[in-house]
């Protein structure tokens, strides 16, 4: 009888590096913070409720819609970490509906969190990132959590898609602006991920089981991606191993963006 193999040891390629993960209290953010810790980073989590952050992370409470809170939280996090090499801009919210379904106030709220929230965090972190970039090339990065919604038309996601399209464009512009600062800027485009937010959407569906089956079937692999799979892509782009990568969007979507399969027979 074969024995179960222990999990492979994680490389300690982030040793000596400080990382800040926004929206790290649950889902993709928490998985990213945990993986960064496992790979040797000192990690801080910025979240409205950081209590769900993994053990070992510095927990900093802040709302990304407040510039004053973000600046205070970033400075507090860096004081605990000692330096900042990696910013993961992950905090975001969802929205459901066509352009007829969401009022102006909802558009303002979602864009404030999903787009301006990234801007506020990057703006506060950039002086610290530049300081770290001066110590060696390739180790300093900003990685945004974007979405398949930035590159594919999805039904009932007009507002969310607009916000993530802005995140993709922001990522490319920042990569151009900060390449000579020694700061790499990339994003990850998850497909439908099995996260608490998607779970809440399913709970509100008339037939949650049927809706889950539809979301699984929408991706060519036949299932939703996991938070851990998205986190692995984020951490790869942030790692020194990706020192030659900037201005790139990495899809983690089960083939949804690029594949066009024939119907199963």
C-alpha atoms as a PDB file:
ATOM      1  CA  UNK A   1       0.000   0.000   0.000  1.00  0.00           C
ATOM      2  CA  UNK A   2       1.432   3.369  -0.975  1.00  0.00           C
ATOM      3  CA  UNK A   3       1.886   5.913   1.751  1.00  0.00           C
ATOM      4  CA  UNK A   4       0.663   9.479   1.403  1.00  0.00           C
ATOM      5  CA  UNK A   5       3.537  11.761   0.535  1.00  0.00           C
ATOM      6  CA  UNK A   6       4.193  14.840   2.690  1.00  0.00           C
ATOM      7  CA  UNK A   7       3.613  18.188   0.993  1.00  0.00           C
ATOM      8  CA  UNK A   8       6.599  19.528  -0.901  1.00  0.00           C
ATOM      9  CA  UNK A   9       8.618  22.125   0.950  1.00  0.00           C
ATOM     10  CA  UNK A  10       8.061  25.677  -0.261  1.00  0.00           C
ATOM     11  CA  UNK A  11      11.084  27.565  -1.580  1.00  0.00           C
ATOM     12  CA  UNK A  12      12.159  30.378   0.740  1.00  0.00           C
ATOM     13  CA  UNK A  13      12.593  32.837  -2.117  1.00  0.00           C
ATOM     14  CA  UNK A  14      10.930  35.717  -0.240  1.00  0.00           C
ATOM     15  CA  UNK A  15      13.271  35.539   2.750  1.00  0.00           C
ATOM     16  CA  UNK A  16      14.170  39.046   3.889  1.00  0.00           C
ATOM     17  CA  UNK A  17      11.301  40.595   1.922  1.00  0.00           C
ATOM     18  CA  UNK A  18       8.267  42.461   3.230  1.00  0.00           C
ATOM     19  CA  UNK A  19       4.869  41.982   1.574  1.00  0.00           C
ATOM     20  CA  UNK A  20       1.560  43.791   2.025  1.00  0.00           C
ATOM     21  CA  UNK A  21      -1.661  42.110   0.872  1.00  0.00           C
ATOM     22  CA  UNK A  22      -4.861  44.152   0.709  1.00  0.00           C
ATOM     23  CA  UNK A  23      -8.125  42.305   1.173  1.00  0.00           C
ATOM     24  CA  UNK A  24      -6.125  39.568   2.868  1.00  0.00           C
ATOM     25  CA  UNK A  25      -8.739  38.662   5.461  1.00  0.00           C
ATOM     26  CA  UNK A  26     -10.441  36.009   3.304  1.00  0.00           C
ATOM     27  CA  UNK A  27     -10.506  34.250  -0.044  1.00  0.00           C
ATOM     28  CA  UNK A  28      -7.746  34.920  -2.564  1.00  0.00           C
ATOM     29  CA  UNK A  29      -6.077  37.505  -0.346  1.00  0.00           C
ATOM     30  CA  UNK A  30      -5.809  35.196   2.647  1.00  0.00           C
ATOM     31  CA  UNK A  31      -4.492  32.376   0.442  1.00  0.00           C
ATOM     32  CA  UNK A  32      -1.891  34.756  -1.020  1.00  0.00           C
ATOM     33  CA  UNK A  33      -0.772  35.950   2.400  1.00  0.00           C
ATOM     34  CA  UNK A  34      -0.429  32.344   3.601  1.00  0.00           C
ATOM     35  CA  UNK A  35       1.684  31.353   0.592  1.00  0.00           C
ATOM     36  CA  UNK A  36       3.933  34.390   0.958  1.00  0.00           C
ATOM     37  CA  UNK A  37       4.494  33.471   4.608  1.00  0.00           C
ATOM     38  CA  UNK A  38       5.289  29.881   3.621  1.00  0.00           C
ATOM     39  CA  UNK A  39       7.892  31.169   1.183  1.00  0.00           C
ATOM     40  CA  UNK A  40       9.713  33.245   3.750  1.00  0.00           C
ATOM     41  CA  UNK A  41       8.187  36.716   3.470  1.00  0.00           C
ATOM     42  CA  UNK A  42       7.252  38.969   6.334  1.00  0.00           C
ATOM     43  CA  UNK A  43       3.595  39.677   5.569  1.00  0.00           C
ATOM     44  CA  UNK A  44       1.079  42.333   6.562  1.00  0.00           C
ATOM     45  CA  UNK A  45      -2.614  42.146   5.709  1.00  0.00           C
ATOM     46  CA  UNK A  46      -4.680  45.295   5.185  1.00  0.00           C
ATOM     47  CA  UNK A  47      -8.411  44.680   5.378  1.00  0.00           C
ATOM     48  CA  UNK A  48     -11.535  46.235   6.834  1.00  0.00           C
ATOM     49  CA  UNK A  49     -11.655  43.097   8.979  1.00  0.00           C
ATOM     50  CA  UNK A  50      -8.215  41.461   9.027  1.00  0.00           C
ATOM     51  CA  UNK A  51      -9.161  38.857  11.646  1.00  0.00           C
ATOM     52  CA  UNK A  52      -9.241  36.109   9.002  1.00  0.00           C
ATOM     53  CA  UNK A  53      -5.642  36.717   7.957  1.00  0.00           C
ATOM     54  CA  UNK A  54      -3.329  33.702   8.337  1.00  0.00           C
ATOM     55  CA  UNK A  55      -1.378  33.162  11.533  1.00  0.00           C
ATOM     56  CA  UNK A  56       1.908  35.016  11.441  1.00  0.00           C
ATOM     57  CA  UNK A  57       0.692  37.971   9.384  1.00  0.00           C
ATOM     58  CA  UNK A  58       0.631  41.513  10.748  1.00  0.00           C
ATOM     59  CA  UNK A  59      -3.025  42.584  10.771  1.00  0.00           C
ATOM     60  CA  UNK A  60      -3.862  46.191   9.923  1.00  0.00           C
ATOM     61  CA  UNK A  61      -7.465  47.400   9.776  1.00  0.00           C
ATOM     62  CA  UNK A  62      -8.234  49.975   7.079  1.00  0.00           C
ATOM     63  CA  UNK A  63     -10.841  50.828   4.463  1.00  0.00           C
ATOM     64  CA  UNK A  64      -9.341  51.285   0.984  1.00  0.00           C
ATOM     65  CA  UNK A  65     -11.926  53.999   0.220  1.00  0.00           C
ATOM     66  CA  UNK A  66     -10.188  56.297   2.724  1.00  0.00           C
ATOM     67  CA  UNK A  67      -6.886  57.814   1.639  1.00  0.00           C
ATOM     68  CA  UNK A  68      -6.041  58.785   5.225  1.00  0.00           C
ATOM     69  CA  UNK A  69      -6.711  55.254   6.512  1.00  0.00           C
ATOM     70  CA  UNK A  70      -4.670  53.687   3.722  1.00  0.00           C
ATOM     71  CA  UNK A  71      -1.676  55.949   4.302  1.00  0.00           C
ATOM     72  CA  UNK A  72      -1.780  55.295   8.042  1.00  0.00           C
ATOM     73  CA  UNK A  73      -2.150  51.531   7.540  1.00  0.00           C
ATOM     74  CA  UNK A  74       0.679  51.265   4.986  1.00  0.00           C
ATOM     75  CA  UNK A  75       3.056  53.204   7.232  1.00  0.00           C
ATOM     76  CA  UNK A  76       2.037  51.047  10.205  1.00  0.00           C
ATOM     77  CA  UNK A  77       2.562  47.854   8.202  1.00  0.00           C
ATOM     78  CA  UNK A  78       5.995  48.898   6.949  1.00  0.00           C
ATOM     79  CA  UNK A  79       7.032  49.852  10.481  1.00  0.00           C
ATOM     80  CA  UNK A  80       6.240  46.270  11.528  1.00  0.00           C
ATOM     81  CA  UNK A  81       7.773  44.627   8.448  1.00  0.00           C
ATOM     82  CA  UNK A  82      10.924  46.724   8.335  1.00  0.00           C
ATOM     83  CA  UNK A  83      10.719  47.182   4.550  1.00  0.00           C
ATOM     84  CA  UNK A  84       8.273  46.736   1.693  1.00  0.00           C
ATOM     85  CA  UNK A  85       9.165  44.792  -1.447  1.00  0.00           C
ATOM     86  CA  UNK A  86       5.795  43.454  -2.596  1.00  0.00           C
ATOM     87  CA  UNK A  87       2.341  45.031  -2.739  1.00  0.00           C
ATOM     88  CA  UNK A  88      -0.572  42.768  -3.644  1.00  0.00           C
ATOM     89  CA  UNK A  89      -3.599  44.915  -4.480  1.00  0.00           C
ATOM     90  CA  UNK A  90      -6.385  42.423  -3.972  1.00  0.00           C
ATOM     91  CA  UNK A  91      -9.187  44.239  -2.097  1.00  0.00           C
ATOM     92  CA  UNK A  92     -12.311  44.404  -4.223  1.00  0.00           C
ATOM     93  CA  UNK A  93     -16.062  43.920  -4.317  1.00  0.00           C
ATOM     94  CA  UNK A  94     -18.478  42.480  -6.851  1.00  0.00           C
ATOM     95  CA  UNK A  95     -21.590  43.689  -8.619  1.00  0.00           C
ATOM     96  CA  UNK A  96     -24.344  41.951 -10.530  1.00  0.00           C
ATOM     97  CA  UNK A  97     -26.511  43.369 -13.299  1.00  0.00           C
ATOM     98  CA  UNK A  98     -26.675  45.055 -16.684  1.00  0.00           C
ATOM     99  CA  UNK A  99     -26.127  48.788 -17.182  1.00  0.00           C
ATOM    100  CA  UNK A 100     -29.826  49.265 -16.401  1.00  0.00           C
ATOM    101  CA  UNK A 101     -29.658  47.554 -13.023  1.00  0.00           C
ATOM    102  CA  UNK A 102     -27.114  49.526 -10.982  1.00  0.00           C
ATOM    103  CA  UNK A 103     -27.732  53.103  -9.862  1.00  0.00           C
ATOM    104  CA  UNK A 104     -25.045  55.796 -10.023  1.00  0.00           C
ATOM    105  CA  UNK A 105     -24.321  55.377  -6.317  1.00  0.00           C
ATOM    106  CA  UNK A 106     -23.481  51.691  -6.830  1.00  0.00           C
ATOM    107  CA  UNK A 107     -21.209  52.532  -9.770  1.00  0.00           C
ATOM    108  CA  UNK A 108     -19.406  55.054  -7.605  1.00  0.00           C
ATOM    109  CA  UNK A 109     -19.060  52.576  -4.734  1.00  0.00           C
ATOM    110  CA  UNK A 110     -17.652  49.721  -6.809  1.00  0.00           C
ATOM    111  CA  UNK A 111     -15.248  51.916  -8.781  1.00  0.00           C
ATOM    112  CA  UNK A 112     -14.126  53.554  -5.526  1.00  0.00           C
ATOM    113  CA  UNK A 113     -13.149  50.185  -4.046  1.00  0.00           C
ATOM    114  CA  UNK A 114     -11.968  48.269  -7.102  1.00  0.00           C
ATOM    115  CA  UNK A 115     -10.055  51.012  -8.917  1.00  0.00           C
ATOM    116  CA  UNK A 116      -9.389  53.954  -6.613  1.00  0.00           C
ATOM    117  CA  UNK A 117      -8.665  51.521  -3.778  1.00  0.00           C
ATOM    118  CA  UNK A 118      -5.717  50.171  -5.787  1.00  0.00           C
ATOM    119  CA  UNK A 119      -4.607  53.710  -6.592  1.00  0.00           C
ATOM    120  CA  UNK A 120      -4.639  54.764  -2.934  1.00  0.00           C
ATOM    121  CA  UNK A 121      -2.684  51.701  -1.819  1.00  0.00           C
ATOM    122  CA  UNK A 122      -0.082  52.038  -4.574  1.00  0.00           C
ATOM    123  CA  UNK A 123       0.293  55.762  -3.942  1.00  0.00           C
ATOM    124  CA  UNK A 124       0.986  55.151  -0.255  1.00  0.00           C
ATOM    125  CA  UNK A 125       3.309  52.212  -0.921  1.00  0.00           C
ATOM    126  CA  UNK A 126       5.420  53.624  -3.750  1.00  0.00           C
ATOM    127  CA  UNK A 127       7.912  55.587  -1.603  1.00  0.00           C
ATOM    128  CA  UNK A 128       8.629  52.422   0.394  1.00  0.00           C
ATOM    129  CA  UNK A 129       8.831  50.270  -2.743  1.00  0.00           C
ATOM    130  CA  UNK A 130      11.295  52.678  -4.360  1.00  0.00           C
ATOM    131  CA  UNK A 131      13.461  52.512  -1.257  1.00  0.00           C
ATOM    132  CA  UNK A 132      13.579  48.709  -1.491  1.00  0.00           C
ATOM    133  CA  UNK A 133      14.179  48.767  -5.253  1.00  0.00           C
ATOM    134  CA  UNK A 134      17.381  50.708  -4.682  1.00  0.00           C
ATOM    135  CA  UNK A 135      18.859  47.671  -2.910  1.00  0.00           C
ATOM    136  CA  UNK A 136      18.674  45.263  -5.850  1.00  0.00           C
ATOM    137  CA  UNK A 137      16.904  44.641  -9.184  1.00  0.00           C
ATOM    138  CA  UNK A 138      13.867  42.438  -9.807  1.00  0.00           C
ATOM    139  CA  UNK A 139      12.701  41.965  -6.220  1.00  0.00           C
ATOM    140  CA  UNK A 140      10.145  44.785  -5.969  1.00  0.00           C
ATOM    141  CA  UNK A 141       6.668  44.442  -7.415  1.00  0.00           C
ATOM    142  CA  UNK A 142       3.016  45.405  -7.414  1.00  0.00           C
ATOM    143  CA  UNK A 143       0.534  42.691  -8.366  1.00  0.00           C
ATOM    144  CA  UNK A 144      -3.164  43.435  -8.826  1.00  0.00           C
ATOM    145  CA  UNK A 145      -6.031  40.975  -8.693  1.00  0.00           C
ATOM    146  CA  UNK A 146      -7.933  41.695 -11.905  1.00  0.00           C
ATOM    147  CA  UNK A 147     -10.466  39.344 -13.557  1.00  0.00           C
ATOM    148  CA  UNK A 148     -11.465  37.463 -16.679  1.00  0.00           C
ATOM    149  CA  UNK A 149     -14.207  40.118 -16.760  1.00  0.00           C
ATOM    150  CA  UNK A 150     -11.573  42.585 -18.026  1.00  0.00           C
ATOM    151  CA  UNK A 151     -11.053  40.633 -21.244  1.00  0.00           C
ATOM    152  CA  UNK A 152     -14.280  38.668 -21.879  1.00  0.00           C
ATOM    153  CA  UNK A 153     -17.887  39.798 -22.025  1.00  0.00           C
ATOM    154  CA  UNK A 154     -19.801  38.186 -19.167  1.00  0.00           C
ATOM    155  CA  UNK A 155     -23.583  38.463 -18.741  1.00  0.00           C
ATOM    156  CA  UNK A 156     -24.929  40.436 -15.791  1.00  0.00           C
ATOM    157  CA  UNK A 157     -21.525  41.899 -14.905  1.00  0.00           C
ATOM    158  CA  UNK A 158     -21.484  45.342 -16.594  1.00  0.00           C
ATOM    159  CA  UNK A 159     -20.307  47.349 -13.586  1.00  0.00           C
ATOM    160  CA  UNK A 160     -17.887  44.720 -12.318  1.00  0.00           C
ATOM    161  CA  UNK A 161     -16.421  44.267 -15.804  1.00  0.00           C
ATOM    162  CA  UNK A 162     -15.940  48.016 -16.236  1.00  0.00           C
ATOM    163  CA  UNK A 163     -14.077  48.201 -12.942  1.00  0.00           C
ATOM    164  CA  UNK A 164     -11.791  45.301 -13.827  1.00  0.00           C
ATOM    165  CA  UNK A 165     -11.149  46.652 -17.304  1.00  0.00           C
ATOM    166  CA  UNK A 166      -9.899  49.776 -15.565  1.00  0.00           C
ATOM    167  CA  UNK A 167      -7.666  47.631 -13.326  1.00  0.00           C
ATOM    168  CA  UNK A 168      -6.061  46.022 -16.381  1.00  0.00           C
ATOM    169  CA  UNK A 169      -5.369  49.416 -17.982  1.00  0.00           C
ATOM    170  CA  UNK A 170      -4.096  50.799 -14.666  1.00  0.00           C
ATOM    171  CA  UNK A 171      -1.699  47.860 -14.366  1.00  0.00           C
ATOM    172  CA  UNK A 172      -0.210  48.492 -17.808  1.00  0.00           C
ATOM    173  CA  UNK A 173       0.131  52.234 -17.206  1.00  0.00           C
ATOM    174  CA  UNK A 174       1.785  51.710 -13.829  1.00  0.00           C
ATOM    175  CA  UNK A 175       4.191  49.179 -15.343  1.00  0.00           C
ATOM    176  CA  UNK A 176       5.310  51.825 -17.842  1.00  0.00           C
ATOM    177  CA  UNK A 177       5.486  54.585 -15.237  1.00  0.00           C
ATOM    178  CA  UNK A 178       7.556  52.669 -12.693  1.00  0.00           C
ATOM    179  CA  UNK A 179       9.811  50.400 -14.738  1.00  0.00           C
ATOM    180  CA  UNK A 180      12.708  52.817 -14.299  1.00  0.00           C
ATOM    181  CA  UNK A 181      12.050  52.870 -10.561  1.00  0.00           C
ATOM    182  CA  UNK A 182      12.847  49.155 -10.541  1.00  0.00           C
ATOM    183  CA  UNK A 183       9.235  48.259  -9.715  1.00  0.00           C
ATOM    184  CA  UNK A 184       7.476  45.561 -11.722  1.00  0.00           C
ATOM    185  CA  UNK A 185       3.670  45.806 -12.074  1.00  0.00           C
ATOM    186  CA  UNK A 186       1.499  42.888 -13.201  1.00  0.00           C
ATOM    187  CA  UNK A 187      -1.974  41.497 -12.649  1.00  0.00           C
ATOM    188  CA  UNK A 188      -3.669  38.132 -12.395  1.00  0.00           C
ATOM    189  CA  UNK A 189      -6.999  37.529 -14.143  1.00  0.00           C
ATOM    190  CA  UNK A 190      -8.925  34.825 -12.298  1.00  0.00           C
ATOM    191  CA  UNK A 191     -11.876  33.144 -13.885  1.00  0.00           C
ATOM    192  CA  UNK A 192     -14.778  32.283 -11.620  1.00  0.00           C
ATOM    193  CA  UNK A 193     -13.101  31.355  -8.349  1.00  0.00           C
ATOM    194  CA  UNK A 194     -14.649  29.331  -5.563  1.00  0.00           C
ATOM    195  CA  UNK A 195     -14.405  32.083  -2.945  1.00  0.00           C
ATOM    196  CA  UNK A 196     -16.689  33.389  -0.174  1.00  0.00           C
ATOM    197  CA  UNK A 197     -18.030  36.100  -2.512  1.00  0.00           C
ATOM    198  CA  UNK A 198     -19.080  33.538  -5.114  1.00  0.00           C
ATOM    199  CA  UNK A 199     -20.532  31.455  -2.298  1.00  0.00           C
ATOM    200  CA  UNK A 200     -22.728  34.385  -1.272  1.00  0.00           C
ATOM    201  CA  UNK A 201     -23.892  34.785  -4.882  1.00  0.00           C
ATOM    202  CA  UNK A 202     -24.815  31.109  -4.999  1.00  0.00           C
ATOM    203  CA  UNK A 203     -26.719  31.384  -1.732  1.00  0.00           C
ATOM    204  CA  UNK A 204     -28.918  34.092  -3.281  1.00  0.00           C
ATOM    205  CA  UNK A 205     -29.654  32.077  -6.444  1.00  0.00           C
ATOM    206  CA  UNK A 206     -33.064  30.471  -6.943  1.00  0.00           C
ATOM    207  CA  UNK A 207     -31.329  27.117  -7.467  1.00  0.00           C
ATOM    208  CA  UNK A 208     -27.822  27.243  -5.921  1.00  0.00           C
ATOM    209  CA  UNK A 209     -26.874  23.759  -7.121  1.00  0.00           C
ATOM    210  CA  UNK A 210     -27.835  24.539 -10.722  1.00  0.00           C
ATOM    211  CA  UNK A 211     -26.024  27.881 -10.584  1.00  0.00           C
ATOM    212  CA  UNK A 212     -22.865  26.215  -9.254  1.00  0.00           C
ATOM    213  CA  UNK A 213     -23.037  23.643 -12.043  1.00  0.00           C
ATOM    214  CA  UNK A 214     -23.389  26.453 -14.610  1.00  0.00           C
ATOM    215  CA  UNK A 215     -20.361  28.311 -13.212  1.00  0.00           C
ATOM    216  CA  UNK A 216     -18.315  25.109 -13.275  1.00  0.00           C
ATOM    217  CA  UNK A 217     -19.347  24.353 -16.851  1.00  0.00           C
ATOM    218  CA  UNK A 218     -18.508  27.881 -18.043  1.00  0.00           C
ATOM    219  CA  UNK A 219     -14.785  27.169 -17.689  1.00  0.00           C
ATOM    220  CA  UNK A 220     -13.271  24.643 -20.106  1.00  0.00           C
ATOM    221  CA  UNK A 221     -11.663  22.676 -17.264  1.00  0.00           C
ATOM    222  CA  UNK A 222     -15.175  21.989 -15.989  1.00  0.00           C
ATOM    223  CA  UNK A 223     -14.736  23.574 -12.558  1.00  0.00           C
ATOM    224  CA  UNK A 224     -14.152  26.858 -10.854  1.00  0.00           C
ATOM    225  CA  UNK A 225     -10.582  27.738 -10.007  1.00  0.00           C
ATOM    226  CA  UNK A 226      -9.539  27.784  -6.358  1.00  0.00           C
ATOM    227  CA  UNK A 227      -8.219  30.610  -4.221  1.00  0.00           C
ATOM    228  CA  UNK A 228      -4.960  28.676  -3.802  1.00  0.00           C
ATOM    229  CA  UNK A 229      -4.503  28.422  -7.577  1.00  0.00           C
ATOM    230  CA  UNK A 230      -4.951  32.168  -7.996  1.00  0.00           C
ATOM    231  CA  UNK A 231      -2.633  32.835  -5.050  1.00  0.00           C
ATOM    232  CA  UNK A 232       0.075  30.707  -6.660  1.00  0.00           C
ATOM    233  CA  UNK A 233      -0.030  32.879  -9.775  1.00  0.00           C
ATOM    234  CA  UNK A 234       0.068  36.108  -7.760  1.00  0.00           C
ATOM    235  CA  UNK A 235       3.033  34.909  -5.726  1.00  0.00           C
ATOM    236  CA  UNK A 236       4.864  33.769  -8.856  1.00  0.00           C
ATOM    237  CA  UNK A 237       4.547  37.215 -10.447  1.00  0.00           C
ATOM    238  CA  UNK A 238       5.680  38.838  -7.196  1.00  0.00           C
ATOM    239  CA  UNK A 239       8.656  36.522  -6.742  1.00  0.00           C
ATOM    240  CA  UNK A 240      12.278  37.181  -7.721  1.00  0.00           C
ATOM    241  CA  UNK A 241      11.894  34.281 -10.174  1.00  0.00           C
ATOM    242  CA  UNK A 242       9.650  36.575 -12.252  1.00  0.00           C
ATOM    243  CA  UNK A 243      12.182  39.414 -12.301  1.00  0.00           C
ATOM    244  CA  UNK A 244      11.868  39.722 -16.106  1.00  0.00           C
ATOM    245  CA  UNK A 245       8.064  40.045 -16.100  1.00  0.00           C
ATOM    246  CA  UNK A 246       6.233  43.369 -16.001  1.00  0.00           C
ATOM    247  CA  UNK A 247       3.131  44.751 -17.701  1.00  0.00           C
ATOM    248  CA  UNK A 248       1.653  41.254 -17.934  1.00  0.00           C
ATOM    249  CA  UNK A 249      -1.809  39.863 -17.205  1.00  0.00           C
ATOM    250  CA  UNK A 250      -1.729  36.195 -16.227  1.00  0.00           C
ATOM    251  CA  UNK A 251      -5.020  34.326 -16.691  1.00  0.00           C
ATOM    252  CA  UNK A 252      -5.991  31.701 -14.106  1.00  0.00           C
ATOM    253  CA  UNK A 253      -9.348  30.812 -15.565  1.00  0.00           C
ATOM    254  CA  UNK A 254      -9.444  27.137 -16.458  1.00  0.00           C
ATOM    255  CA  UNK A 255      -8.933  28.063 -20.119  1.00  0.00           C
ATOM    256  CA  UNK A 256     -11.965  30.351 -20.265  1.00  0.00           C
ATOM    257  CA  UNK A 257     -10.304  33.242 -22.078  1.00  0.00           C
ATOM    258  CA  UNK A 258      -8.282  31.395 -24.711  1.00  0.00           C
ATOM    259  CA  UNK A 259      -9.972  28.071 -25.429  1.00  0.00           C
ATOM    260  CA  UNK A 260     -12.959  27.349 -27.683  1.00  0.00           C
ATOM    261  CA  UNK A 261     -13.875  23.714 -27.212  1.00  0.00           C
ATOM    262  CA  UNK A 262     -16.306  21.681 -29.301  1.00  0.00           C
ATOM    263  CA  UNK A 263     -19.361  20.484 -27.400  1.00  0.00           C
ATOM    264  CA  UNK A 264     -18.760  17.226 -25.583  1.00  0.00           C
ATOM    265  CA  UNK A 265     -20.203  14.222 -27.374  1.00  0.00           C
END
